[in-house]
PDB file of N, CA and C in Angstrom:
ATOM      1  N   MET A   1      44.271 -19.635   4.225  1.00  0.00           N
ATOM      2  CA  MET A   1      44.582 -18.789   3.067  1.00  0.00           C
ATOM      3  C   MET A   1      44.111 -19.452   1.772  1.00  0.00           C
ATOM      4  N   GLN A   2      44.377 -20.769   1.649  1.00  0.00           N
ATOM      5  CA  GLN A   2      43.963 -21.506   0.446  1.00  0.00           C
ATOM      6  C   GLN A   2      42.457 -21.436   0.271  1.00  0.00           C
ATOM      7  N   ARG A   3      41.751 -21.569   1.391  1.00  0.00           N
ATOM      8  CA  ARG A   3      40.292 -21.560   1.352  1.00  0.00           C
ATOM      9  C   ARG A   3      39.780 -20.220   0.816  1.00  0.00           C
ATOM     10  N   LEU A   4      40.414 -19.139   1.262  1.00  0.00           N
ATOM     11  CA  LEU A   4      40.024 -17.814   0.795  1.00  0.00           C
ATOM     12  C   LEU A   4      40.272 -17.661  -0.703  1.00  0.00           C
ATOM     13  N   ASP A   5      41.411 -18.176  -1.161  1.00  0.00           N
ATOM     14  CA  ASP A   5      41.719 -18.112  -2.596  1.00  0.00           C
ATOM     15  C   ASP A   5      40.669 -18.877  -3.390  1.00  0.00           C
ATOM     16  N   ALA A   6      40.296 -20.058  -2.891  1.00  0.00           N
ATOM     17  CA  ALA A   6      39.307 -20.884  -3.564  1.00  0.00           C
ATOM     18  C   ALA A   6      37.951 -20.179  -3.615  1.00  0.00           C
ATOM     19  N   LEU A   7      37.574 -19.561  -2.505  1.00  0.00           N
ATOM     20  CA  LEU A   7      36.301 -18.832  -2.466  1.00  0.00           C
ATOM     21  C   LEU A   7      36.321 -17.660  -3.445  1.00  0.00           C
ATOM     22  N   GLN A   8      37.432 -16.958  -3.449  1.00  0.00           N
ATOM     23  CA  GLN A   8      37.604 -15.815  -4.355  1.00  0.00           C
ATOM     24  C   GLN A   8      37.448 -16.284  -5.805  1.00  0.00           C
ATOM     25  N   ARG A   9      38.124 -17.379  -6.119  1.00  0.00           N
ATOM     26  CA  ARG A   9      38.087 -17.940  -7.477  1.00  0.00           C
ATOM     27  C   ARG A   9      36.663 -18.365  -7.839  1.00  0.00           C
ATOM     28  N   ALA A  10      35.981 -19.035  -6.910  1.00  0.00           N
ATOM     29  CA  ALA A  10      34.611 -19.499  -7.146  1.00  0.00           C
ATOM     30  C   ALA A  10      33.685 -18.305  -7.405  1.00  0.00           C
ATOM     31  N   ASN A  11      33.878 -17.244  -6.643  1.00  0.00           N
ATOM     32  CA  ASN A  11      33.054 -16.049  -6.838  1.00  0.00           C
ATOM     33  C   ASN A  11      33.282 -15.411  -8.203  1.00  0.00           C
ATOM     34  N   GLU A  12      34.554 -15.369  -8.621  1.00  0.00           N
ATOM     35  CA  GLU A  12      34.871 -14.811  -9.944  1.00  0.00           C
ATOM     36  C   GLU A  12      34.191 -15.628 -11.030  1.00  0.00           C
ATOM     37  N   ILE A  13      34.283 -16.968 -10.896  1.00  0.00           N
ATOM     38  CA  ILE A  13      33.684 -17.858 -11.888  1.00  0.00           C
ATOM     39  C   ILE A  13      32.171 -17.651 -11.947  1.00  0.00           C
ATOM     40  N   ARG A  14      31.536 -17.560 -10.780  1.00  0.00           N
ATOM     41  CA  ARG A  14      30.080 -17.340 -10.746  1.00  0.00           C
ATOM     42  C   ARG A  14      29.700 -16.019 -11.406  1.00  0.00           C
ATOM     43  N   THR A  15      30.502 -14.986 -11.140  1.00  0.00           N
ATOM     44  CA  THR A  15      30.235 -13.677 -11.727  1.00  0.00           C
ATOM     45  C   THR A  15      30.364 -13.734 -13.251  1.00  0.00           C
ATOM     46  N   GLN A  16      31.439 -14.380 -13.727  1.00  0.00           N
ATOM     47  CA  GLN A  16      31.655 -14.482 -15.171  1.00  0.00           C
ATOM     48  C   GLN A  16      30.535 -15.271 -15.841  1.00  0.00           C
ATOM     49  N   ARG A  17      30.114 -16.358 -15.179  1.00  0.00           N
ATOM     50  CA  ARG A  17      29.031 -17.170 -15.735  1.00  0.00           C
ATOM     51  C   ARG A  17      27.724 -16.404 -15.793  1.00  0.00           C
ATOM     52  N   ALA A  18      27.445 -15.658 -14.731  1.00  0.00           N
ATOM     53  CA  ALA A  18      26.213 -14.859 -14.693  1.00  0.00           C
ATOM     54  C   ALA A  18      26.224 -13.856 -15.845  1.00  0.00           C
ATOM     55  N   GLN A  19      27.384 -13.244 -16.083  1.00  0.00           N
ATOM     56  CA  GLN A  19      27.510 -12.281 -17.181  1.00  0.00           C
ATOM     57  C   GLN A  19      27.299 -12.987 -18.523  1.00  0.00           C
ATOM     58  N   LEU A  20      27.876 -14.166 -18.674  1.00  0.00           N
ATOM     59  CA  LEU A  20      27.723 -14.920 -19.918  1.00  0.00           C
ATOM     60  C   LEU A  20      26.252 -15.248 -20.159  1.00  0.00           C
ATOM     61  N   LYS A  21      25.553 -15.657 -19.103  1.00  0.00           N
ATOM     62  CA  LYS A  21      24.126 -15.973 -19.239  1.00  0.00           C
ATOM     63  C   LYS A  21      23.343 -14.740 -19.662  1.00  0.00           C
ATOM     64  N   ARG A  22      23.696 -13.575 -19.077  1.00  0.00           N
ATOM     65  CA  ARG A  22      23.027 -12.326 -19.483  1.00  0.00           C
ATOM     66  C   ARG A  22      23.318 -12.023 -20.949  1.00  0.00           C
ATOM     67  N   ASP A  23      24.573 -12.261 -21.371  1.00  0.00           N
ATOM     68  CA  ASP A  23      24.947 -12.016 -22.765  1.00  0.00           C
ATOM     69  C   ASP A  23      24.189 -12.955 -23.710  1.00  0.00           C
ATOM     70  N   LEU A  24      24.035 -14.220 -23.299  1.00  0.00           N
ATOM     71  CA  LEU A  24      23.275 -15.177 -24.121  1.00  0.00           C
ATOM     72  C   LEU A  24      21.827 -14.709 -24.241  1.00  0.00           C
ATOM     73  N   LYS A  25      21.251 -14.319 -23.117  1.00  0.00           N
ATOM     74  CA  LYS A  25      19.855 -13.844 -23.105  1.00  0.00           C
ATOM     75  C   LYS A  25      19.689 -12.622 -24.000  1.00  0.00           C
ATOM     76  N   GLY A  26      20.651 -11.715 -23.922  1.00  0.00           N
ATOM     77  CA  GLY A  26      20.563 -10.469 -24.675  1.00  0.00           C
ATOM     78  C   GLY A  26      21.054 -10.585 -26.109  1.00  0.00           C
ATOM     79  N   GLY A  27      21.484 -11.783 -26.506  1.00  0.00           N
ATOM     80  CA  GLY A  27      21.948 -11.995 -27.875  1.00  0.00           C
ATOM     81  C   GLY A  27      23.336 -11.448 -28.151  1.00  0.00           C
ATOM     82  N   ARG A  28      24.089 -11.097 -27.092  1.00  0.00           N
ATOM     83  CA  ARG A  28      25.447 -10.578 -27.288  1.00  0.00           C
ATOM     84  C   ARG A  28      26.472 -11.703 -27.380  1.00  0.00           C
ATOM     85  N   ALA A  29      26.060 -12.918 -26.959  1.00  0.00           N
ATOM     86  CA  ALA A  29      26.945 -14.084 -27.073  1.00  0.00           C
ATOM     87  C   ALA A  29      26.154 -15.181 -27.766  1.00  0.00           C
ATOM     88  N   ARG A  30      26.846 -16.079 -28.476  1.00  0.00           N
ATOM     89  CA  ARG A  30      26.156 -17.163 -29.161  1.00  0.00           C
ATOM     90  C   ARG A  30      26.491 -18.486 -28.486  1.00  0.00           C
ATOM     91  N   ILE A  31      25.464 -19.280 -28.233  1.00  0.00           N
ATOM     92  CA  ILE A  31      25.650 -20.559 -27.543  1.00  0.00           C
ATOM     93  C   ILE A  31      26.574 -21.475 -28.344  1.00  0.00           C
ATOM     94  N   HIS A  32      26.543 -21.355 -29.684  1.00  0.00           N
ATOM     95  CA  HIS A  32      27.413 -22.192 -30.523  1.00  0.00           C
ATOM     96  C   HIS A  32      28.878 -21.976 -30.162  1.00  0.00           C
ATOM     97  N   ASP A  33      29.251 -20.677 -30.030  1.00  0.00           N
ATOM     98  CA  ASP A  33      30.638 -20.344 -29.711  1.00  0.00           C
ATOM     99  C   ASP A  33      31.022 -20.886 -28.332  1.00  0.00           C
ATOM    100  N   VAL A  34      30.091 -20.748 -27.383  1.00  0.00           N
ATOM    101  CA  VAL A  34      30.349 -21.211 -26.017  1.00  0.00           C
ATOM    102  C   VAL A  34      30.564 -22.724 -26.004  1.00  0.00           C
ATOM    103  N   LEU A  35      29.750 -23.458 -26.774  1.00  0.00           N
ATOM    104  CA  LEU A  35      29.856 -24.921 -26.790  1.00  0.00           C
ATOM    105  C   LEU A  35      31.091 -25.400 -27.541  1.00  0.00           C
ATOM    106  N   LEU A  36      31.395 -24.774 -28.662  1.00  0.00           N
ATOM    107  CA  LEU A  36      32.504 -25.240 -29.489  1.00  0.00           C
ATOM    108  C   LEU A  36      33.858 -24.836 -28.932  1.00  0.00           C
ATOM    109  N   ASP A  37      33.920 -23.674 -28.296  1.00  0.00           N
ATOM    110  CA  ASP A  37      35.194 -23.203 -27.751  1.00  0.00           C
ATOM    111  C   ASP A  37      34.940 -22.558 -26.389  1.00  0.00           C
ATOM    112  N   PRO A  38      34.632 -23.404 -25.380  1.00  0.00           N
ATOM    113  CA  PRO A  38      34.224 -22.847 -24.085  1.00  0.00           C
ATOM    114  C   PRO A  38      35.362 -22.145 -23.338  1.00  0.00           C
ATOM    115  N   PRO A  39      35.083 -20.929 -22.814  1.00  0.00           N
ATOM    116  CA  PRO A  39      36.078 -20.300 -21.945  1.00  0.00           C
ATOM    117  C   PRO A  39      36.263 -21.163 -20.698  1.00  0.00           C
ATOM    118  N   GLU A  40      37.397 -21.048 -20.050  1.00  0.00           N
ATOM    119  CA  GLU A  40      37.730 -21.924 -18.914  1.00  0.00           C
ATOM    120  C   GLU A  40      36.666 -21.890 -17.817  1.00  0.00           C
ATOM    121  N   TYR A  41      36.142 -20.681 -17.514  1.00  0.00           N
ATOM    122  CA  TYR A  41      35.192 -20.556 -16.404  1.00  0.00           C
ATOM    123  C   TYR A  41      33.857 -21.250 -16.654  1.00  0.00           C
ATOM    124  N   VAL A  42      33.627 -21.671 -17.893  1.00  0.00           N
ATOM    125  CA  VAL A  42      32.347 -22.288 -18.223  1.00  0.00           C
ATOM    126  C   VAL A  42      32.475 -23.822 -18.309  1.00  0.00           C
ATOM    127  N   GLU A  43      33.708 -24.319 -18.282  1.00  0.00           N
ATOM    128  CA  GLU A  43      33.957 -25.764 -18.407  1.00  0.00           C
ATOM    129  C   GLU A  43      33.162 -26.599 -17.399  1.00  0.00           C
ATOM    130  N   THR A  44      33.037 -26.102 -16.163  1.00  0.00           N
ATOM    131  CA  THR A  44      32.385 -26.885 -15.115  1.00  0.00           C
ATOM    132  C   THR A  44      30.896 -26.553 -14.966  1.00  0.00           C
ATOM    133  N   ALA A  45      30.390 -25.685 -15.853  1.00  0.00           N
ATOM    134  CA  ALA A  45      28.960 -25.345 -15.813  1.00  0.00           C
ATOM    135  C   ALA A  45      28.159 -26.468 -16.456  1.00  0.00           C
ATOM    136  N   LYS A  46      26.928 -26.655 -16.009  1.00  0.00           N
ATOM    137  CA  LYS A  46      26.064 -27.673 -16.596  1.00  0.00           C
ATOM    138  C   LYS A  46      25.554 -27.183 -17.948  1.00  0.00           C
ATOM    139  N   VAL A  47      25.559 -28.092 -18.928  1.00  0.00           N
ATOM    140  CA  VAL A  47      25.062 -27.775 -20.267  1.00  0.00           C
ATOM    141  C   VAL A  47      23.620 -27.286 -20.151  1.00  0.00           C
ATOM    142  N   PHE A  48      22.833 -27.993 -19.322  1.00  0.00           N
ATOM    143  CA  PHE A  48      21.419 -27.667 -19.118  1.00  0.00           C
ATOM    144  C   PHE A  48      21.232 -26.198 -18.736  1.00  0.00           C
ATOM    145  N   ASP A  49      22.013 -25.749 -17.729  1.00  0.00           N
ATOM    146  CA  ASP A  49      21.881 -24.372 -17.234  1.00  0.00           C
ATOM    147  C   ASP A  49      22.241 -23.346 -18.303  1.00  0.00           C
ATOM    148  N   MET A  50      23.279 -23.641 -19.087  1.00  0.00           N
ATOM    149  CA  MET A  50      23.689 -22.706 -20.137  1.00  0.00           C
ATOM    150  C   MET A  50      22.625 -22.616 -21.227  1.00  0.00           C
ATOM    151  N   LEU A  51      22.043 -23.765 -21.589  1.00  0.00           N
ATOM    152  CA  LEU A  51      21.008 -23.759 -22.633  1.00  0.00           C
ATOM    153  C   LEU A  51      19.763 -23.002 -22.165  1.00  0.00           C
ATOM    154  N   LEU A  52      19.471 -23.079 -20.874  1.00  0.00           N
ATOM    155  CA  LEU A  52      18.304 -22.372 -20.343  1.00  0.00           C
ATOM    156  C   LEU A  52      18.440 -20.853 -20.523  1.00  0.00           C
ATOM    157  N   ALA A  53      19.661 -20.365 -20.602  1.00  0.00           N
ATOM    158  CA  ALA A  53      19.886 -18.927 -20.739  1.00  0.00           C
ATOM    159  C   ALA A  53      19.621 -18.447 -22.166  1.00  0.00           C
ATOM    160  N   VAL A  54      19.516 -19.392 -23.109  1.00  0.00           N
ATOM    161  CA  VAL A  54      19.286 -19.031 -24.503  1.00  0.00           C
ATOM    162  C   VAL A  54      17.815 -18.649 -24.696  1.00  0.00           C
ATOM    163  N   PRO A  55      17.573 -17.503 -25.364  1.00  0.00           N
ATOM    164  CA  PRO A  55      16.178 -17.094 -25.593  1.00  0.00           C
ATOM    165  C   PRO A  55      15.389 -18.178 -26.318  1.00  0.00           C
ATOM    166  N   LYS A  56      14.124 -18.327 -25.978  1.00  0.00           N
ATOM    167  CA  LYS A  56      13.200 -19.300 -26.556  1.00  0.00           C
ATOM    168  C   LYS A  56      13.485 -20.738 -26.134  1.00  0.00           C
ATOM    169  N   TYR A  57      14.418 -20.942 -25.203  1.00  0.00           N
ATOM    170  CA  TYR A  57      14.679 -22.297 -24.711  1.00  0.00           C
ATOM    171  C   TYR A  57      14.265 -22.404 -23.252  1.00  0.00           C
ATOM    172  N   GLY A  58      13.223 -23.216 -23.001  1.00  0.00           N
ATOM    173  CA  GLY A  58      12.779 -23.461 -21.638  1.00  0.00           C
ATOM    174  C   GLY A  58      13.185 -24.870 -21.235  1.00  0.00           C
ATOM    175  N   ARG A  59      12.759 -25.290 -20.060  1.00  0.00           N
ATOM    176  CA  ARG A  59      13.131 -26.613 -19.539  1.00  0.00           C
ATOM    177  C   ARG A  59      12.759 -27.752 -20.486  1.00  0.00           C
ATOM    178  N   VAL A  60      11.543 -27.704 -21.037  1.00  0.00           N
ATOM    179  CA  VAL A  60      11.047 -28.792 -21.882  1.00  0.00           C
ATOM    180  C   VAL A  60      11.882 -28.917 -23.158  1.00  0.00           C
ATOM    181  N   LYS A  61      12.091 -27.782 -23.821  1.00  0.00           N
ATOM    182  CA  LYS A  61      12.846 -27.781 -25.073  1.00  0.00           C
ATOM    183  C   LYS A  61      14.300 -28.208 -24.834  1.00  0.00           C
ATOM    184  N   VAL A  62      14.901 -27.688 -23.762  1.00  0.00           N
ATOM    185  CA  VAL A  62      16.289 -28.032 -23.432  1.00  0.00           C
ATOM    186  C   VAL A  62      16.394 -29.537 -23.175  1.00  0.00           C
ATOM    187  N   ASN A  63      15.448 -30.081 -22.389  1.00  0.00           N
ATOM    188  CA  ASN A  63      15.455 -31.525 -22.117  1.00  0.00           C
ATOM    189  C   ASN A  63      15.319 -32.334 -23.394  1.00  0.00           C
ATOM    190  N   ARG A  64      14.429 -31.897 -24.290  1.00  0.00           N
ATOM    191  CA  ARG A  64      14.215 -32.612 -25.542  1.00  0.00           C
ATOM    192  C   ARG A  64      15.503 -32.647 -26.372  1.00  0.00           C
ATOM    193  N   VAL A  65      16.162 -31.491 -26.488  1.00  0.00           N
ATOM    194  CA  VAL A  65      17.406 -31.401 -27.249  1.00  0.00           C
ATOM    195  C   VAL A  65      18.471 -32.317 -26.639  1.00  0.00           C
ATOM    196  N   LEU A  66      18.604 -32.293 -25.305  1.00  0.00           N
ATOM    197  CA  LEU A  66      19.610 -33.124 -24.644  1.00  0.00           C
ATOM    198  C   LEU A  66      19.332 -34.613 -24.844  1.00  0.00           C
ATOM    199  N   VAL A  67      18.059 -35.002 -24.768  1.00  0.00           N
ATOM    200  CA  VAL A  67      17.700 -36.407 -24.967  1.00  0.00           C
ATOM    201  C   VAL A  67      18.040 -36.830 -26.399  1.00  0.00           C
ATOM    202  N   GLN A  68      17.705 -35.987 -27.367  1.00  0.00           N
ATOM    203  CA  GLN A  68      17.981 -36.313 -28.773  1.00  0.00           C
ATOM    204  C   GLN A  68      19.482 -36.451 -29.035  1.00  0.00           C
ATOM    205  N   CYS A  69      20.280 -35.679 -28.305  1.00  0.00           N
ATOM    206  CA  CYS A  69      21.734 -35.737 -28.492  1.00  0.00           C
ATOM    207  C   CYS A  69      22.387 -36.757 -27.552  1.00  0.00           C
ATOM    208  N   ARG A  70      21.570 -37.464 -26.786  1.00  0.00           N
ATOM    209  CA  ARG A  70      22.055 -38.447 -25.814  1.00  0.00           C
ATOM    210  C   ARG A  70      23.059 -37.817 -24.834  1.00  0.00           C
ATOM    211  N   ILE A  71      22.663 -36.696 -24.252  1.00  0.00           N
ATOM    212  CA  ILE A  71      23.501 -36.002 -23.271  1.00  0.00           C
ATOM    213  C   ILE A  71      22.738 -35.930 -21.952  1.00  0.00           C
ATOM    214  N   SER A  72      23.381 -36.325 -20.863  1.00  0.00           N
ATOM    215  CA  SER A  72      22.753 -36.272 -19.543  1.00  0.00           C
ATOM    216  C   SER A  72      22.585 -34.810 -19.123  1.00  0.00           C
ATOM    217  N   PRO A  73      21.439 -34.462 -18.503  1.00  0.00           N
ATOM    218  CA  PRO A  73      21.225 -33.081 -18.059  1.00  0.00           C
ATOM    219  C   PRO A  73      22.274 -32.607 -17.048  1.00  0.00           C
ATOM    220  N   SER A  74      22.921 -33.544 -16.373  1.00  0.00           N
ATOM    221  CA  SER A  74      23.917 -33.151 -15.370  1.00  0.00           C
ATOM    222  C   SER A  74      25.322 -33.008 -15.978  1.00  0.00           C
ATOM    223  N   LYS A  75      25.451 -33.229 -17.292  1.00  0.00           N
ATOM    224  CA  LYS A  75      26.747 -33.152 -17.971  1.00  0.00           C
ATOM    225  C   LYS A  75      27.286 -31.723 -17.960  1.00  0.00           C
ATOM    226  N   THR A  76      28.589 -31.593 -17.716  1.00  0.00           N
ATOM    227  CA  THR A  76      29.195 -30.259 -17.748  1.00  0.00           C
ATOM    228  C   THR A  76      29.668 -29.961 -19.171  1.00  0.00           C
ATOM    229  N   ILE A  77      29.840 -28.686 -19.466  1.00  0.00           N
ATOM    230  CA  ILE A  77      30.281 -28.282 -20.800  1.00  0.00           C
ATOM    231  C   ILE A  77      31.665 -28.851 -21.100  1.00  0.00           C
ATOM    232  N   GLY A  78      32.543 -28.846 -20.094  1.00  0.00           N
ATOM    233  CA  GLY A  78      33.888 -29.394 -20.283  1.00  0.00           C
ATOM    234  C   GLY A  78      33.870 -30.906 -20.466  1.00  0.00           C
ATOM    235  N   GLY A  79      32.803 -31.562 -19.997  1.00  0.00           N
ATOM    236  CA  GLY A  79      32.719 -33.021 -20.065  1.00  0.00           C
ATOM    237  C   GLY A  79      32.107 -33.555 -21.355  1.00  0.00           C
ATOM    238  N   LEU A  80      31.719 -32.655 -22.249  1.00  0.00           N
ATOM    239  CA  LEU A  80      31.122 -33.086 -23.514  1.00  0.00           C
ATOM    240  C   LEU A  80      32.172 -33.671 -24.442  1.00  0.00           C
ATOM    241  N   SER A  81      31.819 -34.737 -25.132  1.00  0.00           N
ATOM    242  CA  SER A  81      32.729 -35.286 -26.141  1.00  0.00           C
ATOM    243  C   SER A  81      32.598 -34.431 -27.400  1.00  0.00           C
ATOM    244  N   GLN A  82      33.533 -34.596 -28.319  1.00  0.00           N
ATOM    245  CA  GLN A  82      33.499 -33.821 -29.563  1.00  0.00           C
ATOM    246  C   GLN A  82      32.208 -34.128 -30.331  1.00  0.00           C
ATOM    247  N   ARG A  83      31.798 -35.399 -30.337  1.00  0.00           N
ATOM    248  CA  ARG A  83      30.561 -35.793 -31.017  1.00  0.00           C
ATOM    249  C   ARG A  83      29.367 -35.063 -30.425  1.00  0.00           C
ATOM    250  N   GLN A  84      29.307 -35.052 -29.083  1.00  0.00           N
ATOM    251  CA  GLN A  84      28.182 -34.404 -28.404  1.00  0.00           C
ATOM    252  C   GLN A  84      28.154 -32.904 -28.707  1.00  0.00           C
ATOM    253  N   ARG A  85      29.324 -32.283 -28.698  1.00  0.00           N
ATOM    254  CA  ARG A  85      29.415 -30.850 -29.002  1.00  0.00           C
ATOM    255  C   ARG A  85      28.852 -30.549 -30.383  1.00  0.00           C
ATOM    256  N   THR A  86      29.381 -31.291 -31.377  1.00  0.00           N
ATOM    257  CA  THR A  86      28.988 -31.076 -32.769  1.00  0.00           C
ATOM    258  C   THR A  86      27.498 -31.316 -32.963  1.00  0.00           C
ATOM    259  N   GLU A  87      27.002 -32.418 -32.392  1.00  0.00           N
ATOM    260  CA  GLU A  87      25.596 -32.780 -32.523  1.00  0.00           C
ATOM    261  C   GLU A  87      24.706 -31.709 -31.887  1.00  0.00           C
ATOM    262  N   LEU A  88      25.097 -31.254 -30.704  1.00  0.00           N
ATOM    263  CA  LEU A  88      24.329 -30.258 -29.969  1.00  0.00           C
ATOM    264  C   LEU A  88      24.256 -28.952 -30.768  1.00  0.00           C
ATOM    265  N   VAL A  89      25.394 -28.520 -31.291  1.00  0.00           N
ATOM    266  CA  VAL A  89      25.429 -27.269 -32.055  1.00  0.00           C
ATOM    267  C   VAL A  89      24.563 -27.392 -33.304  1.00  0.00           C
ATOM    268  N   SER A  90      24.623 -28.530 -33.998  1.00  0.00           N
ATOM    269  CA  SER A  90      23.807 -28.646 -35.210  1.00  0.00           C
ATOM    270  C   SER A  90      22.326 -28.684 -34.877  1.00  0.00           C
ATOM    271  N   MET A  91      21.970 -29.265 -33.703  1.00  0.00           N
ATOM    272  CA  MET A  91      20.570 -29.265 -33.263  1.00  0.00           C
ATOM    273  C   MET A  91      20.102 -27.836 -32.995  1.00  0.00           C
ATOM    274  N   LEU A  92      20.964 -27.052 -32.354  1.00  0.00           N
ATOM    275  CA  LEU A  92      20.595 -25.692 -31.958  1.00  0.00           C
ATOM    276  C   LEU A  92      20.533 -24.742 -33.163  1.00  0.00           C
ATOM    277  N   ARG A  93      21.230 -25.108 -34.250  1.00  0.00           N
ATOM    278  CA  ARG A  93      21.255 -24.228 -35.419  1.00  0.00           C
ATOM    279  C   ARG A  93      19.988 -24.358 -36.257  1.00  0.00           C
ATOM    280  N   ARG A  94      19.183 -25.391 -36.012  1.00  0.00           N
ATOM    281  CA  ARG A  94      17.961 -25.617 -36.821  1.00  0.00           C
ATOM    282  C   ARG A  94      16.988 -24.471 -36.685  1.00  0.00           C
TER     283      ARG A  94
END
């Protein structure tokens, strides 16, 4: 039973994340808001994957931004320090 609940929860999270990525792509959501005040379902998502959903951001640009902010590509959104969050948002606002 626990396993089924966990699978159900994982599926909900994946669905919500997919929707968020579509919203980022379509300009209905702003990456700044997601980074500064992440919804619970996005806490365990990789920063790299979320940035890739932003229009005009490809692998190279995302990697460059992460390197400049000293953030590992495997870092999760929930695992970002306040400094990293602030730095990342100011980089993205340029």
